[in-house]
């Protein structure tokens, strides 16, 4: 019986070394550290919209190759788009990921997500950008992801995975003063992620991946009293999948979208219309 020859150890892909070199070069250019996002996003450092697998330098030129179709300046993760032309408009650049945007009613925006700086200014996952595109002093500072924002009058409702925000302990849902950024006394307390919010006539609707909110058992969707934070009797009870990820209210109907297969007492795959009074699914 012939013996088998020892196999040669697998070598790294031929692009691994230049990729490491390229990543190190790019990290040094943008000032990124292992501990988090870069503090600021520099216009002169170009980025791609896909994966770079090869990097080589010749003289004063860096050549790159990979699976991308765009190379250009970074916009950051929050960009307003002109409604007529589709052109991107300038904003202070968010160093991180933006998951939620809500207009402030005065030409500016509240933004939420997972980020550390906006226009180089420290902001923990939530910030206010004014109409003149400057970052305001408003700074509630969430200790984890902000996934949903809703502005109603002088209150900014916030949902996500945070446990502290606005200087107070708040489990995944909170109401913030639109002027000071402090958390109000409104405190529904939730045991899972809040990913979407809507408001109508004194009621705040919340959707997400929770089973308890406002002091009551509620699967993925709930209605909360805007004054007290307690869950109302409205209970569509979504299940058969995961979170309710989108909510919108129109008149007496609450529209819900997500990964559920049953809601409001009826089979509904991923989208449903619910009676705002009873919580039952409409036809």
C-alpha atoms as a PDB file:
ATOM      1  CA  UNK A   1       0.000   0.000   0.000  1.00  0.00           C
ATOM      2  CA  UNK A   2       1.458   3.324  -0.958  1.00  0.00           C
ATOM      3  CA  UNK A   3       1.693   6.001   1.691  1.00  0.00           C
ATOM      4  CA  UNK A   4       0.105   9.388   1.261  1.00  0.00           C
ATOM      5  CA  UNK A   5       2.346  12.405   1.073  1.00  0.00           C
ATOM      6  CA  UNK A   6       1.836  15.052   3.746  1.00  0.00           C
ATOM      7  CA  UNK A   7      -0.382  17.849   2.479  1.00  0.00           C
ATOM      8  CA  UNK A   8       1.130  21.250   2.164  1.00  0.00           C
ATOM      9  CA  UNK A   9      -0.378  23.788   4.568  1.00  0.00           C
ATOM     10  CA  UNK A  10      -2.976  25.969   2.943  1.00  0.00           C
ATOM     11  CA  UNK A  11      -1.597  29.327   2.009  1.00  0.00           C
ATOM     12  CA  UNK A  12      -3.477  32.580   2.467  1.00  0.00           C
ATOM     13  CA  UNK A  13      -5.266  33.939  -0.609  1.00  0.00           C
ATOM     14  CA  UNK A  14      -2.929  35.857  -2.862  1.00  0.00           C
ATOM     15  CA  UNK A  15      -4.749  39.090  -2.124  1.00  0.00           C
ATOM     16  CA  UNK A  16      -4.576  38.745   1.695  1.00  0.00           C
ATOM     17  CA  UNK A  17      -1.315  40.646   2.122  1.00  0.00           C
ATOM     18  CA  UNK A  18      -2.248  43.629  -0.054  1.00  0.00           C
ATOM     19  CA  UNK A  19      -5.703  43.643   1.529  1.00  0.00           C
ATOM     20  CA  UNK A  20      -4.180  43.893   4.995  1.00  0.00           C
ATOM     21  CA  UNK A  21      -1.850  46.579   3.714  1.00  0.00           C
ATOM     22  CA  UNK A  22      -4.718  48.467   2.126  1.00  0.00           C
ATOM     23  CA  UNK A  23      -6.881  48.262   5.237  1.00  0.00           C
ATOM     24  CA  UNK A  24      -4.008  49.460   7.380  1.00  0.00           C
ATOM     25  CA  UNK A  25      -3.361  52.322   4.971  1.00  0.00           C
ATOM     26  CA  UNK A  26      -7.017  53.345   4.892  1.00  0.00           C
ATOM     27  CA  UNK A  27      -7.307  53.118   8.674  1.00  0.00           C
ATOM     28  CA  UNK A  28      -4.290  55.376   9.078  1.00  0.00           C
ATOM     29  CA  UNK A  29      -5.714  57.879   6.616  1.00  0.00           C
ATOM     30  CA  UNK A  30      -9.119  58.211   8.292  1.00  0.00           C
ATOM     31  CA  UNK A  31      -7.792  57.950  11.836  1.00  0.00           C
ATOM     32  CA  UNK A  32      -9.880  54.897  12.749  1.00  0.00           C
ATOM     33  CA  UNK A  33      -9.002  52.960  15.893  1.00  0.00           C
ATOM     34  CA  UNK A  34      -9.903  49.500  17.095  1.00  0.00           C
ATOM     35  CA  UNK A  35     -12.132  50.951  19.810  1.00  0.00           C
ATOM     36  CA  UNK A  36     -14.742  52.490  17.513  1.00  0.00           C
ATOM     37  CA  UNK A  37     -15.583  54.691  14.579  1.00  0.00           C
ATOM     38  CA  UNK A  38     -13.375  57.493  13.330  1.00  0.00           C
ATOM     39  CA  UNK A  39     -14.153  60.810  14.990  1.00  0.00           C
ATOM     40  CA  UNK A  40     -14.596  62.551  11.668  1.00  0.00           C
ATOM     41  CA  UNK A  41     -15.110  61.517   8.047  1.00  0.00           C
ATOM     42  CA  UNK A  42     -12.602  63.173   5.737  1.00  0.00           C
ATOM     43  CA  UNK A  43     -13.671  64.307   2.278  1.00  0.00           C
ATOM     44  CA  UNK A  44     -10.290  63.661   0.681  1.00  0.00           C
ATOM     45  CA  UNK A  45     -10.299  59.939   1.555  1.00  0.00           C
ATOM     46  CA  UNK A  46     -12.375  58.073  -1.030  1.00  0.00           C
ATOM     47  CA  UNK A  47     -14.448  54.983  -0.247  1.00  0.00           C
ATOM     48  CA  UNK A  48     -16.086  52.204  -2.275  1.00  0.00           C
ATOM     49  CA  UNK A  49     -19.616  50.763  -2.222  1.00  0.00           C
ATOM     50  CA  UNK A  50     -18.348  47.169  -2.077  1.00  0.00           C
ATOM     51  CA  UNK A  51     -15.491  44.894  -1.096  1.00  0.00           C
ATOM     52  CA  UNK A  52     -11.868  45.721  -1.937  1.00  0.00           C
ATOM     53  CA  UNK A  53      -9.800  42.538  -2.410  1.00  0.00           C
ATOM     54  CA  UNK A  54      -6.599  43.872  -3.954  1.00  0.00           C
ATOM     55  CA  UNK A  55      -4.476  46.943  -3.250  1.00  0.00           C
ATOM     56  CA  UNK A  56      -1.197  47.978  -4.864  1.00  0.00           C
ATOM     57  CA  UNK A  57       0.854  51.168  -4.796  1.00  0.00           C
ATOM     58  CA  UNK A  58       3.008  52.504  -7.624  1.00  0.00           C
ATOM     59  CA  UNK A  59       4.636  55.847  -7.081  1.00  0.00           C
ATOM     60  CA  UNK A  60       2.011  58.300  -5.937  1.00  0.00           C
ATOM     61  CA  UNK A  61      -0.938  56.157  -7.046  1.00  0.00           C
ATOM     62  CA  UNK A  62      -2.867  53.475  -5.140  1.00  0.00           C
ATOM     63  CA  UNK A  63      -4.647  50.911  -7.327  1.00  0.00           C
ATOM     64  CA  UNK A  64      -7.559  48.926  -5.940  1.00  0.00           C
ATOM     65  CA  UNK A  65      -9.707  46.097  -7.276  1.00  0.00           C
ATOM     66  CA  UNK A  66     -12.705  44.213  -6.017  1.00  0.00           C
ATOM     67  CA  UNK A  67     -16.480  43.947  -6.044  1.00  0.00           C
ATOM     68  CA  UNK A  68     -17.576  47.588  -6.228  1.00  0.00           C
ATOM     69  CA  UNK A  69     -19.160  49.994  -8.700  1.00  0.00           C
ATOM     70  CA  UNK A  70     -18.497  53.362  -7.031  1.00  0.00           C
ATOM     71  CA  UNK A  71     -15.421  55.122  -5.681  1.00  0.00           C
ATOM     72  CA  UNK A  72     -15.801  58.590  -4.220  1.00  0.00           C
ATOM     73  CA  UNK A  73     -15.994  60.754  -1.107  1.00  0.00           C
ATOM     74  CA  UNK A  74     -17.857  59.358   1.886  1.00  0.00           C
ATOM     75  CA  UNK A  75     -21.187  60.975   2.696  1.00  0.00           C
ATOM     76  CA  UNK A  76     -21.512  59.583   6.199  1.00  0.00           C
ATOM     77  CA  UNK A  77     -24.605  57.551   7.062  1.00  0.00           C
ATOM     78  CA  UNK A  78     -27.272  60.286   7.058  1.00  0.00           C
ATOM     79  CA  UNK A  79     -27.970  62.251   3.876  1.00  0.00           C
ATOM     80  CA  UNK A  80     -31.041  64.297   2.839  1.00  0.00           C
ATOM     81  CA  UNK A  81     -32.126  63.842  -0.773  1.00  0.00           C
ATOM     82  CA  UNK A  82     -33.653  66.633  -2.857  1.00  0.00           C
ATOM     83  CA  UNK A  83     -37.279  65.588  -3.514  1.00  0.00           C
ATOM     84  CA  UNK A  84     -37.225  67.063  -7.034  1.00  0.00           C
ATOM     85  CA  UNK A  85     -33.781  66.168  -8.365  1.00  0.00           C
ATOM     86  CA  UNK A  86     -32.731  63.210  -6.204  1.00  0.00           C
ATOM     87  CA  UNK A  87     -29.400  64.932  -5.537  1.00  0.00           C
ATOM     88  CA  UNK A  88     -27.736  64.415  -2.175  1.00  0.00           C
ATOM     89  CA  UNK A  89     -27.676  67.487   0.035  1.00  0.00           C
ATOM     90  CA  UNK A  90     -24.943  68.189   2.532  1.00  0.00           C
ATOM     91  CA  UNK A  91     -25.264  67.297   6.203  1.00  0.00           C
ATOM     92  CA  UNK A  92     -22.774  67.018   9.054  1.00  0.00           C
ATOM     93  CA  UNK A  93     -21.302  63.567   8.530  1.00  0.00           C
ATOM     94  CA  UNK A  94     -22.304  60.798  10.896  1.00  0.00           C
ATOM     95  CA  UNK A  95     -19.409  58.522  11.861  1.00  0.00           C
ATOM     96  CA  UNK A  96     -21.253  55.238  12.267  1.00  0.00           C
ATOM     97  CA  UNK A  97     -24.626  53.843  11.218  1.00  0.00           C
ATOM     98  CA  UNK A  98     -27.908  55.778  11.114  1.00  0.00           C
ATOM     99  CA  UNK A  99     -31.146  53.804  11.603  1.00  0.00           C
ATOM    100  CA  UNK A 100     -33.703  56.545  12.249  1.00  0.00           C
ATOM    101  CA  UNK A 101     -34.368  60.110  11.119  1.00  0.00           C
ATOM    102  CA  UNK A 102     -37.196  62.426  12.205  1.00  0.00           C
ATOM    103  CA  UNK A 103     -37.790  66.069  11.196  1.00  0.00           C
ATOM    104  CA  UNK A 104     -37.763  68.563  14.053  1.00  0.00           C
ATOM    105  CA  UNK A 105     -40.474  70.748  12.494  1.00  0.00           C
ATOM    106  CA  UNK A 106     -38.088  73.665  12.017  1.00  0.00           C
ATOM    107  CA  UNK A 107     -36.053  72.475   9.032  1.00  0.00           C
ATOM    108  CA  UNK A 108     -33.685  70.268  11.003  1.00  0.00           C
ATOM    109  CA  UNK A 109     -33.552  66.575  11.919  1.00  0.00           C
ATOM    110  CA  UNK A 110     -33.069  64.228  14.799  1.00  0.00           C
ATOM    111  CA  UNK A 111     -30.911  61.223  13.893  1.00  0.00           C
ATOM    112  CA  UNK A 112     -30.416  57.959  15.738  1.00  0.00           C
ATOM    113  CA  UNK A 113     -28.380  54.811  15.249  1.00  0.00           C
ATOM    114  CA  UNK A 114     -25.026  53.485  16.375  1.00  0.00           C
ATOM    115  CA  UNK A 115     -22.461  56.249  16.126  1.00  0.00           C
ATOM    116  CA  UNK A 116     -19.964  58.161  18.219  1.00  0.00           C
ATOM    117  CA  UNK A 117     -19.527  61.501  16.418  1.00  0.00           C
ATOM    118  CA  UNK A 118     -21.436  63.854  14.137  1.00  0.00           C
ATOM    119  CA  UNK A 119     -19.294  66.392  12.266  1.00  0.00           C
ATOM    120  CA  UNK A 120     -16.467  65.426  14.614  1.00  0.00           C
ATOM    121  CA  UNK A 121     -18.556  66.319  17.692  1.00  0.00           C
ATOM    122  CA  UNK A 122     -19.082  63.527  20.259  1.00  0.00           C
ATOM    123  CA  UNK A 123     -22.653  62.215  20.150  1.00  0.00           C
ATOM    124  CA  UNK A 124     -23.639  58.782  21.497  1.00  0.00           C
ATOM    125  CA  UNK A 125     -26.168  57.225  19.099  1.00  0.00           C
ATOM    126  CA  UNK A 126     -28.545  60.209  18.961  1.00  0.00           C
ATOM    127  CA  UNK A 127     -28.138  63.813  17.819  1.00  0.00           C
ATOM    128  CA  UNK A 128     -29.963  66.902  16.578  1.00  0.00           C
ATOM    129  CA  UNK A 129     -28.927  68.556  13.309  1.00  0.00           C
ATOM    130  CA  UNK A 130     -30.292  72.065  12.893  1.00  0.00           C
ATOM    131  CA  UNK A 131     -31.748  73.694   9.767  1.00  0.00           C
ATOM    132  CA  UNK A 132     -28.396  75.380   9.066  1.00  0.00           C
ATOM    133  CA  UNK A 133     -26.769  71.897   9.053  1.00  0.00           C
ATOM    134  CA  UNK A 134     -24.906  72.414  12.317  1.00  0.00           C
ATOM    135  CA  UNK A 135     -25.016  70.043  15.272  1.00  0.00           C
ATOM    136  CA  UNK A 136     -27.009  71.508  18.157  1.00  0.00           C
ATOM    137  CA  UNK A 137     -26.108  71.320  21.838  1.00  0.00           C
ATOM    138  CA  UNK A 138     -28.977  68.831  22.377  1.00  0.00           C
ATOM    139  CA  UNK A 139     -27.260  65.682  23.629  1.00  0.00           C
ATOM    140  CA  UNK A 140     -29.299  62.955  25.408  1.00  0.00           C
ATOM    141  CA  UNK A 141     -26.565  60.333  24.968  1.00  0.00           C
ATOM    142  CA  UNK A 142     -27.977  56.799  24.556  1.00  0.00           C
ATOM    143  CA  UNK A 143     -25.789  53.930  25.751  1.00  0.00           C
ATOM    144  CA  UNK A 144     -26.859  51.632  22.885  1.00  0.00           C
ATOM    145  CA  UNK A 145     -28.625  51.582  19.530  1.00  0.00           C
ATOM    146  CA  UNK A 146     -31.387  54.063  18.695  1.00  0.00           C
ATOM    147  CA  UNK A 147     -33.648  52.427  16.078  1.00  0.00           C
ATOM    148  CA  UNK A 148     -36.779  54.617  16.100  1.00  0.00           C
ATOM    149  CA  UNK A 149     -37.484  58.347  16.457  1.00  0.00           C
ATOM    150  CA  UNK A 150     -40.781  60.207  16.596  1.00  0.00           C
ATOM    151  CA  UNK A 151     -41.376  63.909  17.256  1.00  0.00           C
ATOM    152  CA  UNK A 152     -44.687  65.036  18.720  1.00  0.00           C
ATOM    153  CA  UNK A 153     -44.956  68.605  19.945  1.00  0.00           C
ATOM    154  CA  UNK A 154     -42.139  69.277  22.381  1.00  0.00           C
ATOM    155  CA  UNK A 155     -41.354  65.594  22.884  1.00  0.00           C
ATOM    156  CA  UNK A 156     -38.980  63.258  21.050  1.00  0.00           C
ATOM    157  CA  UNK A 157     -39.979  59.610  21.492  1.00  0.00           C
ATOM    158  CA  UNK A 158     -37.100  57.152  21.105  1.00  0.00           C
ATOM    159  CA  UNK A 159     -36.939  53.381  20.701  1.00  0.00           C
ATOM    160  CA  UNK A 160     -34.026  50.969  20.422  1.00  0.00           C
ATOM    161  CA  UNK A 161     -31.892  48.707  22.605  1.00  0.00           C
ATOM    162  CA  UNK A 162     -30.541  51.286  25.059  1.00  0.00           C
ATOM    163  CA  UNK A 163     -30.848  51.150  28.847  1.00  0.00           C
ATOM    164  CA  UNK A 164     -29.905  54.741  29.647  1.00  0.00           C
ATOM    165  CA  UNK A 165     -30.762  57.921  27.771  1.00  0.00           C
ATOM    166  CA  UNK A 166     -31.389  61.547  28.649  1.00  0.00           C
ATOM    167  CA  UNK A 167     -29.617  61.132  31.967  1.00  0.00           C
ATOM    168  CA  UNK A 168     -32.036  58.436  33.201  1.00  0.00           C
ATOM    169  CA  UNK A 169     -32.471  54.676  33.189  1.00  0.00           C
ATOM    170  CA  UNK A 170     -34.913  53.860  30.398  1.00  0.00           C
ATOM    171  CA  UNK A 171     -35.329  50.332  29.004  1.00  0.00           C
ATOM    172  CA  UNK A 172     -35.514  50.521  25.183  1.00  0.00           C
ATOM    173  CA  UNK A 173     -38.131  53.267  24.998  1.00  0.00           C
ATOM    174  CA  UNK A 174     -38.153  56.842  26.262  1.00  0.00           C
ATOM    175  CA  UNK A 175     -39.551  60.334  25.837  1.00  0.00           C
ATOM    176  CA  UNK A 176     -37.060  63.204  25.663  1.00  0.00           C
ATOM    177  CA  UNK A 177     -37.565  66.933  26.085  1.00  0.00           C
ATOM    178  CA  UNK A 178     -37.012  68.433  22.621  1.00  0.00           C
ATOM    179  CA  UNK A 179     -35.268  71.467  24.152  1.00  0.00           C
ATOM    180  CA  UNK A 180     -33.112  70.038  26.945  1.00  0.00           C
ATOM    181  CA  UNK A 181     -32.645  66.400  25.857  1.00  0.00           C
ATOM    182  CA  UNK A 182     -33.555  65.188  29.347  1.00  0.00           C
ATOM    183  CA  UNK A 183     -35.746  62.121  29.733  1.00  0.00           C
ATOM    184  CA  UNK A 184     -39.273  62.920  30.879  1.00  0.00           C
ATOM    185  CA  UNK A 185     -41.127  60.943  33.541  1.00  0.00           C
ATOM    186  CA  UNK A 186     -42.787  58.837  30.784  1.00  0.00           C
ATOM    187  CA  UNK A 187     -41.354  55.363  31.264  1.00  0.00           C
ATOM    188  CA  UNK A 188     -43.149  52.337  29.713  1.00  0.00           C
ATOM    189  CA  UNK A 189     -40.147  50.008  30.223  1.00  0.00           C
ATOM    190  CA  UNK A 190     -39.800  47.280  27.599  1.00  0.00           C
ATOM    191  CA  UNK A 191     -38.110  43.867  27.653  1.00  0.00           C
ATOM    192  CA  UNK A 192     -37.079  43.796  23.983  1.00  0.00           C
ATOM    193  CA  UNK A 193     -35.999  46.019  21.129  1.00  0.00           C
ATOM    194  CA  UNK A 194     -38.361  48.813  20.048  1.00  0.00           C
ATOM    195  CA  UNK A 195     -37.826  49.288  16.311  1.00  0.00           C
ATOM    196  CA  UNK A 196     -40.739  51.518  15.239  1.00  0.00           C
ATOM    197  CA  UNK A 197     -43.023  54.198  16.717  1.00  0.00           C
ATOM    198  CA  UNK A 198     -46.170  56.052  15.663  1.00  0.00           C
ATOM    199  CA  UNK A 199     -48.445  58.526  17.442  1.00  0.00           C
ATOM    200  CA  UNK A 200     -52.117  59.480  17.172  1.00  0.00           C
ATOM    201  CA  UNK A 201     -54.495  61.338  19.483  1.00  0.00           C
ATOM    202  CA  UNK A 202     -52.741  60.784  22.779  1.00  0.00           C
ATOM    203  CA  UNK A 203     -51.560  57.253  21.977  1.00  0.00           C
ATOM    204  CA  UNK A 204     -48.028  56.121  21.166  1.00  0.00           C
ATOM    205  CA  UNK A 205     -47.880  52.894  19.162  1.00  0.00           C
ATOM    206  CA  UNK A 206     -44.730  50.794  19.510  1.00  0.00           C
ATOM    207  CA  UNK A 207     -43.500  47.816  17.503  1.00  0.00           C
ATOM    208  CA  UNK A 208     -40.473  45.615  17.927  1.00  0.00           C
ATOM    209  CA  UNK A 209     -39.277  42.321  19.345  1.00  0.00           C
ATOM    210  CA  UNK A 210     -40.711  42.553  22.858  1.00  0.00           C
ATOM    211  CA  UNK A 211     -43.220  40.582  24.948  1.00  0.00           C
ATOM    212  CA  UNK A 212     -43.677  43.074  27.814  1.00  0.00           C
ATOM    213  CA  UNK A 213     -44.154  46.850  27.667  1.00  0.00           C
ATOM    214  CA  UNK A 214     -46.038  49.480  29.621  1.00  0.00           C
ATOM    215  CA  UNK A 215     -46.572  47.064  32.502  1.00  0.00           C
ATOM    216  CA  UNK A 216     -48.464  44.511  30.387  1.00  0.00           C
ATOM    217  CA  UNK A 217     -47.784  41.436  28.267  1.00  0.00           C
ATOM    218  CA  UNK A 218     -47.782  42.556  24.636  1.00  0.00           C
ATOM    219  CA  UNK A 219     -46.336  40.542  21.743  1.00  0.00           C
ATOM    220  CA  UNK A 220     -44.381  42.718  19.293  1.00  0.00           C
ATOM    221  CA  UNK A 221     -46.933  45.570  19.171  1.00  0.00           C
ATOM    222  CA  UNK A 222     -48.621  47.813  21.731  1.00  0.00           C
ATOM    223  CA  UNK A 223     -50.466  51.067  22.306  1.00  0.00           C
ATOM    224  CA  UNK A 224     -49.184  53.261  25.138  1.00  0.00           C
ATOM    225  CA  UNK A 225     -50.877  56.155  26.892  1.00  0.00           C
ATOM    226  CA  UNK A 226     -48.898  59.259  25.902  1.00  0.00           C
ATOM    227  CA  UNK A 227     -49.425  60.740  29.369  1.00  0.00           C
ATOM    228  CA  UNK A 228     -48.766  57.777  31.667  1.00  0.00           C
ATOM    229  CA  UNK A 229     -46.766  55.289  29.556  1.00  0.00           C
ATOM    230  CA  UNK A 230     -49.035  52.409  30.537  1.00  0.00           C
ATOM    231  CA  UNK A 231     -50.223  49.953  27.887  1.00  0.00           C
ATOM    232  CA  UNK A 232     -53.840  50.409  26.837  1.00  0.00           C
ATOM    233  CA  UNK A 233     -56.269  47.526  26.288  1.00  0.00           C
ATOM    234  CA  UNK A 234     -55.438  47.555  22.535  1.00  0.00           C
ATOM    235  CA  UNK A 235     -53.678  44.250  21.863  1.00  0.00           C
ATOM    236  CA  UNK A 236     -53.344  42.853  18.307  1.00  0.00           C
ATOM    237  CA  UNK A 237     -50.924  40.170  19.588  1.00  0.00           C
ATOM    238  CA  UNK A 238     -48.514  39.571  16.691  1.00  0.00           C
ATOM    239  CA  UNK A 239     -46.678  36.261  16.507  1.00  0.00           C
ATOM    240  CA  UNK A 240     -45.488  33.533  14.157  1.00  0.00           C
ATOM    241  CA  UNK A 241     -42.186  35.214  13.307  1.00  0.00           C
ATOM    242  CA  UNK A 242     -40.207  38.061  14.748  1.00  0.00           C
ATOM    243  CA  UNK A 243     -40.529  41.793  15.251  1.00  0.00           C
ATOM    244  CA  UNK A 244     -43.031  44.354  14.027  1.00  0.00           C
ATOM    245  CA  UNK A 245     -40.673  46.678  12.172  1.00  0.00           C
ATOM    246  CA  UNK A 246     -42.962  49.367  10.715  1.00  0.00           C
ATOM    247  CA  UNK A 247     -46.054  51.268  11.896  1.00  0.00           C
ATOM    248  CA  UNK A 248     -48.202  54.009  10.384  1.00  0.00           C
ATOM    249  CA  UNK A 249     -51.519  55.483  11.525  1.00  0.00           C
ATOM    250  CA  UNK A 250     -54.176  56.843   9.174  1.00  0.00           C
ATOM    251  CA  UNK A 251     -57.541  57.788  10.625  1.00  0.00           C
ATOM    252  CA  UNK A 252     -58.944  54.792  12.456  1.00  0.00           C
ATOM    253  CA  UNK A 253     -56.435  52.316  11.006  1.00  0.00           C
ATOM    254  CA  UNK A 254     -53.000  51.260  12.203  1.00  0.00           C
ATOM    255  CA  UNK A 255     -50.848  49.686   9.475  1.00  0.00           C
ATOM    256  CA  UNK A 256     -48.183  47.235  10.621  1.00  0.00           C
ATOM    257  CA  UNK A 257     -45.310  45.572   8.782  1.00  0.00           C
ATOM    258  CA  UNK A 258     -42.797  42.988   9.963  1.00  0.00           C
ATOM    259  CA  UNK A 259     -42.060  39.274  10.074  1.00  0.00           C
ATOM    260  CA  UNK A 260     -45.273  38.093  11.708  1.00  0.00           C
ATOM    261  CA  UNK A 261     -47.756  35.605  10.238  1.00  0.00           C
ATOM    262  CA  UNK A 262     -50.654  36.207  12.644  1.00  0.00           C
ATOM    263  CA  UNK A 263     -51.914  39.511  14.046  1.00  0.00           C
ATOM    264  CA  UNK A 264     -55.199  41.057  15.131  1.00  0.00           C
ATOM    265  CA  UNK A 265     -56.800  37.639  15.446  1.00  0.00           C
ATOM    266  CA  UNK A 266     -56.227  36.741  11.775  1.00  0.00           C
ATOM    267  CA  UNK A 267     -53.532  35.152   9.585  1.00  0.00           C
ATOM    268  CA  UNK A 268     -51.606  38.007   7.993  1.00  0.00           C
ATOM    269  CA  UNK A 269     -48.236  37.529   6.304  1.00  0.00           C
ATOM    270  CA  UNK A 270     -45.847  40.391   7.069  1.00  0.00           C
ATOM    271  CA  UNK A 271     -48.339  43.261   6.585  1.00  0.00           C
ATOM    272  CA  UNK A 272     -51.718  44.090   8.100  1.00  0.00           C
ATOM    273  CA  UNK A 273     -54.276  46.825   8.748  1.00  0.00           C
ATOM    274  CA  UNK A 274     -55.594  46.955  12.319  1.00  0.00           C
ATOM    275  CA  UNK A 275     -58.619  48.689  13.751  1.00  0.00           C
ATOM    276  CA  UNK A 276     -57.287  51.483  15.970  1.00  0.00           C
ATOM    277  CA  UNK A 277     -60.142  50.953  18.444  1.00  0.00           C
ATOM    278  CA  UNK A 278     -60.307  47.158  18.732  1.00  0.00           C
ATOM    279  CA  UNK A 279     -56.922  45.916  17.456  1.00  0.00           C
ATOM    280  CA  UNK A 280     -58.570  43.385  15.153  1.00  0.00           C
ATOM    281  CA  UNK A 281     -57.268  42.905  11.621  1.00  0.00           C
ATOM    282  CA  UNK A 282     -59.426  44.453   8.909  1.00  0.00           C
ATOM    283  CA  UNK A 283     -60.261  42.721   5.657  1.00  0.00           C
END
